[in-house]
Amino acid sequence: MRPPKYALVAYAREAAFNDALEHPDTWALCTDTEDLCADPPPPARGTYALLGCEPEGGLCIALTRARSDGSAPLGRLGLEILDKWGRQSGDWFLEDVRVLGDLPCARDLSLRDVTIEASESVHNLSDHPQRPPHSPGYRIRGATGEHLGGCKDMAHVRAEPSDLTEPPLRLLGCSPRGALRAALDTGEEDLGHATLLRLDARGRAVQPAVEGELTAWIPSARGRGLIDLTLEPWSERPPTAAPEVWDLWWEGRPTEPNLWARCGAEARGFWLRTAQANRTYDGPDAPPGATHHLDGRHITDEPGFFCALGEAVNGPGGYFGQDLATLTECLRGGWGAEGRFTLVWHDAEVARTCLGVTPHTGSRPSTFEELLAFFAGTTVDVRLARGFSTGR
């Protein structure tokens, strides 16, 4: 009999589930799901005003073009949220920005109110940048961190309406136990809030899949004593590429390098999320001055670079960032390597040819040269090499 693929557990209790098959807080083991995965719809575009703006660099160039052409592309825009001392206290991002125009700022005629059209980044932690009390405003950054000026505030002028709805999630062939079994036996209508975990073949949680509210159940056609559950998710569903990655993690954390290379670009992005969820916290960093070898044979896109980098530092299935912001955090220590080390990049010509050339509607992926420039500003010594040796 094939092991269950999923475990339903009490909400917010997934951290301790190394053995979901026997854990007392497991509510059900599930054979499969229906309508679990869904790619998020494109973010709704809105109109925003950067109030009291001092445009610089690329923003100035885009403004000049917008005044003559009606609008101008700017790409990704980041707002660095400043505390009352002018120090960065957070970030908030807009994607696929177009500059529409500007007007003199009513409160200070030396400044401009800049109108832009953009989509909010799915990585933002809030619907609006949260400024602390007495904040002077924001620093504005471009896609690669370049300085574009600053502004006193930001206003959301208008957003496109969205009426997209998703079907409820069905959990199929579930064997209820624990608190859920007790609720079903007593006829309880409120079945509770739960987290669905994806399991590997040994019953270990690979990562949380979705969170939501159990709303209904029926007897399952998959076996005597089994039920099918309905769960209304309140968290983001896994992308449609997720099963491709989960199948490669079915036997546990990979021991073979470059399994991620079998995935397409979307699945490689989810691989990074899976690797992050499975990183170990108790292992020490490699000592300063260590050498790590980056296998560049399969780095044909930006997610592939970070998959390969995670393996170079932390072995198969390893994680060491999924974009430049998280890579910067990893370089501060605690993620497998301390700041000063040597990265030998083998077969770098693959990345030189492929990176940053695929069209994107949002932020453009980094090019090979931009990645080298990023490392040049860190304590990592990157050395390019031909071919790849498995020796370390």
Protein backbone atom coordinates (compact mmCIF):
# COMPACT_ATOMS: atom_id res chain seq x y z
CA MET A 1 0.00 0.00 0.00
CA ARG A 2 1.41 3.40 -1.00
CA PRO A 3 2.23 5.67 1.98
CA PRO A 4 0.00 8.74 2.49
CA LYS A 5 1.14 11.88 0.70
CA TYR A 6 -0.36 14.36 3.14
CA ALA A 7 -1.04 14.82 6.83
CA LEU A 8 -3.67 17.15 8.27
CA VAL A 9 -2.49 18.62 11.56
CA ALA A 10 -3.71 21.12 14.11
CA TYR A 11 -3.14 24.67 12.88
CA ALA A 12 0.31 26.14 13.66
CA ARG A 13 1.63 22.82 15.01
CA GLU A 14 3.60 21.70 11.94
CA ALA A 15 7.07 22.62 13.25
CA ALA A 16 7.40 19.45 15.36
CA PHE A 17 6.28 16.95 12.73
CA ASN A 18 9.25 14.77 11.93
CA ASP A 19 6.99 11.70 12.09
CA ALA A 20 3.44 12.66 11.09
CA LEU A 21 2.38 8.99 10.96
CA GLU A 22 2.63 8.66 14.74
CA HIS A 23 2.36 12.23 16.03
CA PRO A 24 -0.55 12.73 18.48
CA ASP A 25 -1.54 16.06 16.89
CA THR A 26 -2.09 14.50 13.46
CA TRP A 27 -5.79 14.80 12.60
CA ALA A 28 -5.76 12.70 9.42
CA LEU A 29 -3.51 10.99 6.91
CA CYS A 30 -4.62 11.62 3.33
CA THR A 31 -4.02 9.62 0.17
CA ASP A 32 -4.27 12.54 -2.24
CA THR A 33 -5.81 15.95 -2.89
CA GLU A 34 -7.93 17.71 -5.48
CA ASP A 35 -7.55 21.40 -6.40
CA LEU A 36 -4.60 21.83 -4.03
CA CYS A 37 -2.24 23.60 -6.42
CA ALA A 38 -2.96 26.82 -8.28
CA ASP A 39 -0.74 29.43 -9.82
CA PRO A 40 -1.53 32.87 -8.40
CA PRO A 41 -3.25 35.26 -10.77
CA PRO A 42 -1.19 38.18 -12.01
CA PRO A 43 -1.13 40.87 -9.32
CA ALA A 44 -3.76 43.52 -9.88
CA ARG A 45 -2.23 46.71 -11.18
CA GLY A 46 -2.84 49.94 -9.35
CA THR A 47 -1.99 53.61 -9.56
CA TYR A 48 0.26 55.08 -6.86
CA ALA A 49 1.62 58.51 -6.02
CA LEU A 50 5.11 59.01 -4.64
CA LEU A 51 4.52 62.17 -2.62
CA GLY A 52 7.21 64.73 -1.91
CA CYS A 53 9.65 62.97 -4.20
CA GLU A 54 13.28 63.86 -4.97
CA PRO A 55 13.84 61.76 -8.12
CA GLU A 56 17.38 60.72 -9.05
CA GLY A 57 19.08 58.46 -11.58
CA GLY A 58 16.80 56.13 -13.51
CA LEU A 59 13.67 57.69 -12.06
CA CYS A 60 14.69 61.07 -13.47
CA ILE A 61 15.29 59.49 -16.87
CA ALA A 62 11.90 57.74 -16.79
CA LEU A 63 10.17 60.99 -15.77
CA THR A 64 11.72 62.86 -18.67
CA ARG A 65 10.48 60.20 -21.07
CA ALA A 66 7.02 60.08 -19.48
CA ARG A 67 6.60 63.84 -19.90
CA SER A 68 7.14 63.48 -23.63
CA ASP A 69 5.65 60.03 -24.35
CA GLY A 70 2.88 59.80 -21.74
CA SER A 71 4.49 57.00 -19.75
CA ALA A 72 7.81 55.19 -19.37
CA PRO A 73 8.87 51.77 -17.99
CA LEU A 74 10.91 51.66 -14.81
CA GLY A 75 10.90 47.95 -13.86
CA ARG A 76 11.02 46.98 -10.19
CA LEU A 77 10.89 49.64 -7.51
CA GLY A 78 11.67 49.15 -3.84
CA LEU A 79 10.75 51.47 -1.00
CA GLU A 80 13.17 51.31 1.91
CA ILE A 81 11.09 52.23 4.96
CA LEU A 82 13.01 54.61 7.23
CA ASP A 83 12.73 54.93 10.99
CA LYS A 84 12.82 58.30 12.75
CA TRP A 85 16.62 58.28 12.65
CA GLY A 86 16.67 57.69 8.89
CA ARG A 87 17.73 54.04 9.18
CA GLN A 88 16.16 51.29 7.10
CA SER A 89 13.47 49.43 9.05
CA GLY A 90 11.85 47.40 6.24
CA ASP A 91 11.13 47.08 2.53
CA TRP A 92 8.09 47.22 0.28
CA PHE A 93 8.15 46.50 -3.45
CA LEU A 94 6.28 47.30 -6.65
CA GLU A 95 6.75 45.29 -9.85
CA ASP A 96 6.58 46.21 -13.54
CA VAL A 97 6.44 49.92 -12.75
CA ARG A 98 5.50 52.51 -15.37
CA VAL A 99 5.99 56.19 -14.65
CA LEU A 100 2.93 58.19 -15.75
CA GLY A 101 3.96 61.73 -14.89
CA ASP A 102 4.57 64.22 -12.10
CA LEU A 103 3.34 67.47 -10.57
CA PRO A 104 4.81 69.97 -8.10
CA CYS A 105 4.33 68.85 -4.51
CA ALA A 106 1.71 71.04 -2.81
CA ARG A 107 3.59 70.99 0.51
CA ASP A 108 7.03 71.74 -0.92
CA LEU A 109 7.36 73.17 -4.43
CA SER A 110 10.97 72.02 -4.60
CA LEU A 111 9.73 68.41 -4.61
CA ARG A 112 7.56 66.42 -7.04
CA ASP A 113 4.54 64.16 -6.68
CA VAL A 114 5.27 61.27 -9.09
CA THR A 115 2.42 59.11 -10.38
CA ILE A 116 3.19 55.51 -11.30
CA GLU A 117 1.29 52.39 -12.36
CA ALA A 118 2.49 49.08 -10.91
CA SER A 119 1.69 45.70 -9.38
CA GLU A 120 2.36 45.01 -5.72
CA SER A 121 5.00 42.35 -5.12
CA VAL A 122 3.66 39.04 -3.85
CA HIS A 123 6.53 39.07 -1.33
CA ASN A 124 5.28 42.16 0.50
CA LEU A 125 4.33 41.43 4.11
CA SER A 126 1.54 44.02 4.16
CA ASP A 127 -0.89 45.74 1.79
CA HIS A 128 0.84 49.08 2.31
CA PRO A 129 4.32 50.05 3.54
CA GLN A 130 4.14 50.54 7.30
CA ARG A 131 6.06 53.65 8.34
CA PRO A 132 7.06 53.91 12.01
CA PRO A 133 6.19 57.11 13.95
CA HIS A 134 8.18 60.21 12.93
CA SER A 135 9.62 58.50 9.86
CA PRO A 136 11.03 60.95 7.27
CA GLY A 137 9.70 58.71 4.46
CA TYR A 138 11.33 56.27 2.07
CA ARG A 139 14.46 55.73 0.06
CA ILE A 140 13.66 54.54 -3.47
CA ARG A 141 15.69 51.72 -5.04
CA GLY A 142 15.68 50.16 -8.49
CA ALA A 143 15.73 46.50 -9.56
CA THR A 144 19.43 46.02 -8.76
CA GLY A 145 19.45 48.25 -5.68
CA GLU A 146 20.47 51.45 -7.45
CA HIS A 147 19.47 54.69 -5.72
CA LEU A 148 16.51 56.46 -7.36
CA GLY A 149 15.92 59.20 -4.79
CA GLY A 150 13.49 59.46 -1.91
CA CYS A 151 9.93 60.46 -1.07
CA LYS A 152 8.01 61.63 1.99
CA ASP A 153 5.02 59.31 1.56
CA MET A 154 3.15 57.05 -0.84
CA ALA A 155 -0.57 57.00 -1.66
CA HIS A 156 -2.52 54.22 -3.34
CA VAL A 157 -4.68 56.15 -5.78
CA ARG A 158 -6.60 53.39 -7.54
CA ALA A 159 -6.57 49.61 -7.97
CA GLU A 160 -8.09 47.36 -10.60
CA PRO A 161 -10.91 45.22 -9.13
CA SER A 162 -10.45 41.46 -8.99
CA ASP A 163 -13.29 38.96 -8.63
CA LEU A 164 -11.31 35.77 -9.15
CA THR A 165 -12.30 32.93 -6.82
CA GLU A 166 -10.74 29.53 -6.29
CA PRO A 167 -12.51 26.22 -5.63
CA PRO A 168 -12.29 24.67 -2.17
CA LEU A 169 -9.61 22.07 -1.60
CA ARG A 170 -10.63 18.41 -1.25
CA LEU A 171 -8.55 15.96 0.79
CA LEU A 172 -9.16 12.45 -0.52
CA GLY A 173 -9.00 9.07 1.18
CA CYS A 174 -8.39 10.45 4.67
CA SER A 175 -8.13 8.31 7.80
CA PRO A 176 -9.27 10.57 10.67
CA ARG A 177 -7.72 10.34 14.11
CA GLY A 178 -7.27 12.30 17.32
CA ALA A 179 -9.30 15.48 17.75
CA LEU A 180 -10.84 15.23 14.29
CA ARG A 181 -12.03 11.66 14.91
CA ALA A 182 -13.60 12.80 18.18
CA ALA A 183 -15.32 15.75 16.47
CA LEU A 184 -16.78 13.48 13.78
CA ASP A 185 -17.98 10.92 16.34
CA THR A 186 -19.85 13.58 18.33
CA GLY A 187 -21.33 15.29 15.26
CA GLU A 188 -19.43 18.51 15.85
CA GLU A 189 -20.15 21.02 13.07
CA ASP A 190 -17.05 23.14 13.67
CA LEU A 191 -14.21 20.84 12.59
CA GLY A 192 -11.50 23.40 13.24
CA HIS A 193 -8.56 25.10 11.57
CA ALA A 194 -5.77 22.95 10.20
CA THR A 195 -2.51 22.85 8.27
CA LEU A 196 -1.96 20.39 5.44
CA LEU A 197 1.57 19.00 5.28
CA ARG A 198 3.21 17.31 2.31
CA LEU A 199 4.95 14.12 3.46
CA ASP A 200 7.79 12.02 2.14
CA ALA A 201 7.72 8.22 1.92
CA ARG A 202 8.78 7.87 5.56
CA GLY A 203 6.00 10.10 6.89
CA ARG A 204 8.24 13.08 7.55
CA ALA A 205 6.85 16.52 6.78
CA VAL A 206 8.56 17.99 3.73
CA GLN A 207 6.83 21.36 4.10
CA PRO A 208 3.46 22.96 4.86
CA ALA A 209 1.24 23.01 1.78
CA VAL A 210 -1.75 25.13 2.81
CA GLU A 211 -3.70 26.35 5.86
CA GLY A 212 -7.44 26.75 6.18
CA GLU A 213 -10.74 25.78 7.77
CA LEU A 214 -12.34 22.35 7.53
CA THR A 215 -15.91 22.88 6.37
CA ALA A 216 -17.35 19.48 5.36
CA TRP A 217 -16.79 15.75 5.01
CA ILE A 218 -18.28 12.79 3.14
CA PRO A 219 -17.50 9.06 3.06
CA SER A 220 -14.68 8.37 0.61
CA ALA A 221 -14.86 6.06 -2.37
CA ARG A 222 -11.19 5.21 -1.77
CA GLY A 223 -11.79 2.71 1.02
CA ARG A 224 -13.88 1.54 3.93
CA GLY A 225 -13.66 3.87 6.92
CA LEU A 226 -12.02 6.66 4.90
CA ILE A 227 -13.48 10.13 4.34
CA ASP A 228 -13.02 13.02 1.93
CA LEU A 229 -12.64 16.41 3.61
CA THR A 230 -13.28 19.91 2.27
CA LEU A 231 -10.86 22.63 3.34
CA GLU A 232 -11.30 26.34 2.57
CA PRO A 233 -7.76 27.72 2.32
CA TRP A 234 -6.87 31.10 3.72
CA SER A 235 -3.19 30.86 2.78
CA GLU A 236 -1.64 30.88 -0.68
CA ARG A 237 -1.89 27.54 -2.45
CA PRO A 238 1.25 25.81 -3.73
CA PRO A 239 1.97 26.49 -7.42
CA THR A 240 1.13 23.91 -10.06
CA ALA A 241 4.86 23.15 -10.27
CA ALA A 242 4.95 21.94 -6.64
CA PRO A 243 4.20 18.23 -7.30
CA GLU A 244 7.16 18.10 -9.69
CA VAL A 245 9.42 19.10 -6.80
CA TRP A 246 7.68 16.98 -4.15
CA ASP A 247 8.13 13.87 -6.30
CA LEU A 248 11.89 14.48 -6.28
CA TRP A 249 11.82 14.83 -2.46
CA TRP A 250 9.64 11.71 -2.00
CA GLU A 251 12.52 9.63 -0.64
CA GLY A 252 13.57 12.44 1.69
CA ARG A 253 16.10 15.22 1.29
CA PRO A 254 18.04 14.55 -1.93
CA THR A 255 21.42 12.87 -1.68
CA GLU A 256 22.12 13.17 -5.41
CA PRO A 257 23.34 16.56 -6.67
CA ASN A 258 21.54 18.47 -9.41
CA LEU A 259 18.13 16.79 -9.05
CA TRP A 260 16.70 20.30 -9.29
CA ALA A 261 18.05 20.51 -12.86
CA ARG A 262 15.25 18.15 -13.97
CA CYS A 263 12.74 20.90 -13.16
CA GLY A 264 11.53 23.76 -15.30
CA ALA A 265 12.03 27.37 -14.22
CA GLU A 266 8.81 27.57 -12.18
CA ALA A 267 9.54 24.32 -10.37
CA ARG A 268 13.11 25.46 -9.67
CA GLY A 269 11.65 28.47 -7.90
CA PHE A 270 9.52 26.18 -5.73
CA TRP A 271 12.54 23.91 -5.14
CA LEU A 272 14.17 26.87 -3.40
CA ARG A 273 11.17 27.21 -1.08
CA THR A 274 11.33 23.48 -0.32
CA ALA A 275 15.06 23.62 0.34
CA GLN A 276 14.58 26.57 2.67
CA ALA A 277 11.86 24.71 4.59
CA ASN A 278 14.23 21.76 5.05
CA ARG A 279 17.40 23.57 6.01
CA THR A 280 19.01 22.42 9.24
CA TYR A 281 19.55 24.93 12.01
CA ASP A 282 21.99 23.01 14.21
CA GLY A 283 24.96 22.63 11.87
CA PRO A 284 27.89 25.06 12.14
CA ASP A 285 28.93 27.34 9.29
CA ALA A 286 31.92 26.35 7.23
CA PRO A 287 34.93 28.22 8.63
CA PRO A 288 36.05 31.49 7.03
CA GLY A 289 38.35 30.95 4.07
CA ALA A 290 36.62 27.76 2.90
CA THR A 291 36.29 26.98 -0.80
CA HIS A 292 32.92 25.99 -2.31
CA HIS A 293 32.50 24.66 -5.86
CA LEU A 294 29.53 25.87 -7.91
CA ASP A 295 28.46 23.39 -10.60
CA GLY A 296 27.42 25.72 -13.41
CA ARG A 297 26.42 23.12 -16.00
CA HIS A 298 22.67 23.62 -15.43
CA ILE A 299 22.49 27.32 -14.52
CA THR A 300 20.24 28.40 -17.38
CA ASP A 301 18.01 30.73 -15.33
CA GLU A 302 18.12 32.71 -12.10
CA PRO A 303 16.35 30.09 -9.92
CA GLY A 304 18.86 27.55 -11.22
CA PHE A 305 21.72 29.73 -10.02
CA PHE A 306 20.34 29.78 -6.48
CA CYS A 307 19.59 26.04 -6.55
CA ALA A 308 23.21 25.37 -7.56
CA LEU A 309 24.54 27.86 -5.02
CA GLY A 310 22.57 26.21 -2.20
CA GLU A 311 24.10 22.85 -3.14
CA ALA A 312 27.60 24.35 -3.44
CA VAL A 313 27.44 25.60 0.14
CA ASN A 314 25.19 23.05 1.87
CA GLY A 315 25.15 19.91 -0.30
CA PRO A 316 22.28 18.33 -2.29
CA GLY A 317 18.96 19.95 -1.41
CA GLY A 318 20.82 22.77 0.33
CA TYR A 319 19.71 26.39 0.59
CA PHE A 320 21.74 29.60 0.47
CA GLY A 321 19.28 32.27 -0.66
CA GLN A 322 16.66 32.54 -3.41
CA ASP A 323 17.31 36.11 -4.56
CA LEU A 324 19.92 38.79 -3.93
CA ALA A 325 18.16 40.06 -0.81
CA THR A 326 18.06 36.65 0.88
CA LEU A 327 21.58 35.87 -0.34
CA THR A 328 22.77 39.02 1.41
CA GLU A 329 21.13 37.73 4.61
CA CYS A 330 22.79 34.32 4.22
CA LEU A 331 26.21 35.95 3.84
CA ARG A 332 25.84 37.35 7.36
CA GLY A 333 26.29 33.85 8.78
CA GLY A 334 24.12 31.11 10.20
CA TRP A 335 23.19 29.62 6.82
CA GLY A 336 26.14 27.32 6.13
CA ALA A 337 29.02 29.66 5.32
CA GLU A 338 30.51 32.69 6.98
CA GLY A 339 31.06 35.85 4.96
CA ARG A 340 34.59 35.35 3.62
CA PHE A 341 34.96 32.33 1.36
CA THR A 342 35.98 31.37 -2.18
CA LEU A 343 33.36 30.32 -4.72
CA VAL A 344 34.80 28.46 -7.71
CA TRP A 345 32.23 28.78 -10.50
CA HIS A 346 32.67 25.92 -12.98
CA ASP A 347 31.24 26.05 -16.50
CA ALA A 348 30.41 29.71 -16.04
CA GLU A 349 29.87 30.16 -19.79
CA VAL A 350 26.45 28.50 -19.45
CA ALA A 351 25.27 31.26 -17.14
CA ARG A 352 27.00 33.97 -19.14
CA THR A 353 24.99 32.90 -22.17
CA CYS A 354 21.62 32.26 -20.50
CA LEU A 355 21.06 34.50 -17.49
CA GLY A 356 18.99 37.65 -17.76
CA VAL A 357 17.87 37.14 -21.35
CA THR A 358 14.40 35.59 -20.82
CA PRO A 359 11.66 38.25 -21.08
CA HIS A 360 9.70 38.84 -17.85
CA THR A 361 6.65 40.98 -17.21
CA GLY A 362 7.88 41.84 -13.72
CA SER A 363 11.41 42.41 -12.50
CA ARG A 364 14.12 41.29 -14.90
CA PRO A 365 16.34 38.43 -13.70
CA SER A 366 19.95 39.28 -12.95
CA THR A 367 22.48 38.80 -15.71
CA PHE A 368 25.72 36.88 -15.24
CA GLU A 369 27.65 40.16 -15.10
CA GLU A 370 25.26 41.59 -12.50
CA LEU A 371 25.74 38.56 -10.28
CA LEU A 372 29.52 38.95 -10.52
CA ALA A 373 29.15 42.65 -9.67
CA PHE A 374 27.03 41.73 -6.64
CA PHE A 375 29.69 39.33 -5.34
CA ALA A 376 32.37 41.95 -5.97
CA GLY A 377 30.67 44.05 -3.30
CA THR A 378 30.83 41.22 -0.75
CA THR A 379 33.55 39.20 0.94
CA VAL A 380 33.06 36.29 -1.49
CA ASP A 381 35.96 35.69 -3.89
CA VAL A 382 34.47 34.31 -7.13
CA ARG A 383 36.82 32.43 -9.44
CA LEU A 384 35.70 31.19 -12.85
CA ALA A 385 36.80 27.74 -13.98
CA ARG A 386 36.30 25.53 -17.02
CA GLY A 387 34.61 22.18 -16.54
CA PHE A 388 33.44 20.69 -13.27
CA SER A 389 35.23 18.32 -10.92
CA THR A 390 33.43 16.47 -8.16
CA GLY A 391 36.45 16.87 -5.95
CA ARG A 392 36.20 19.29 -3.05
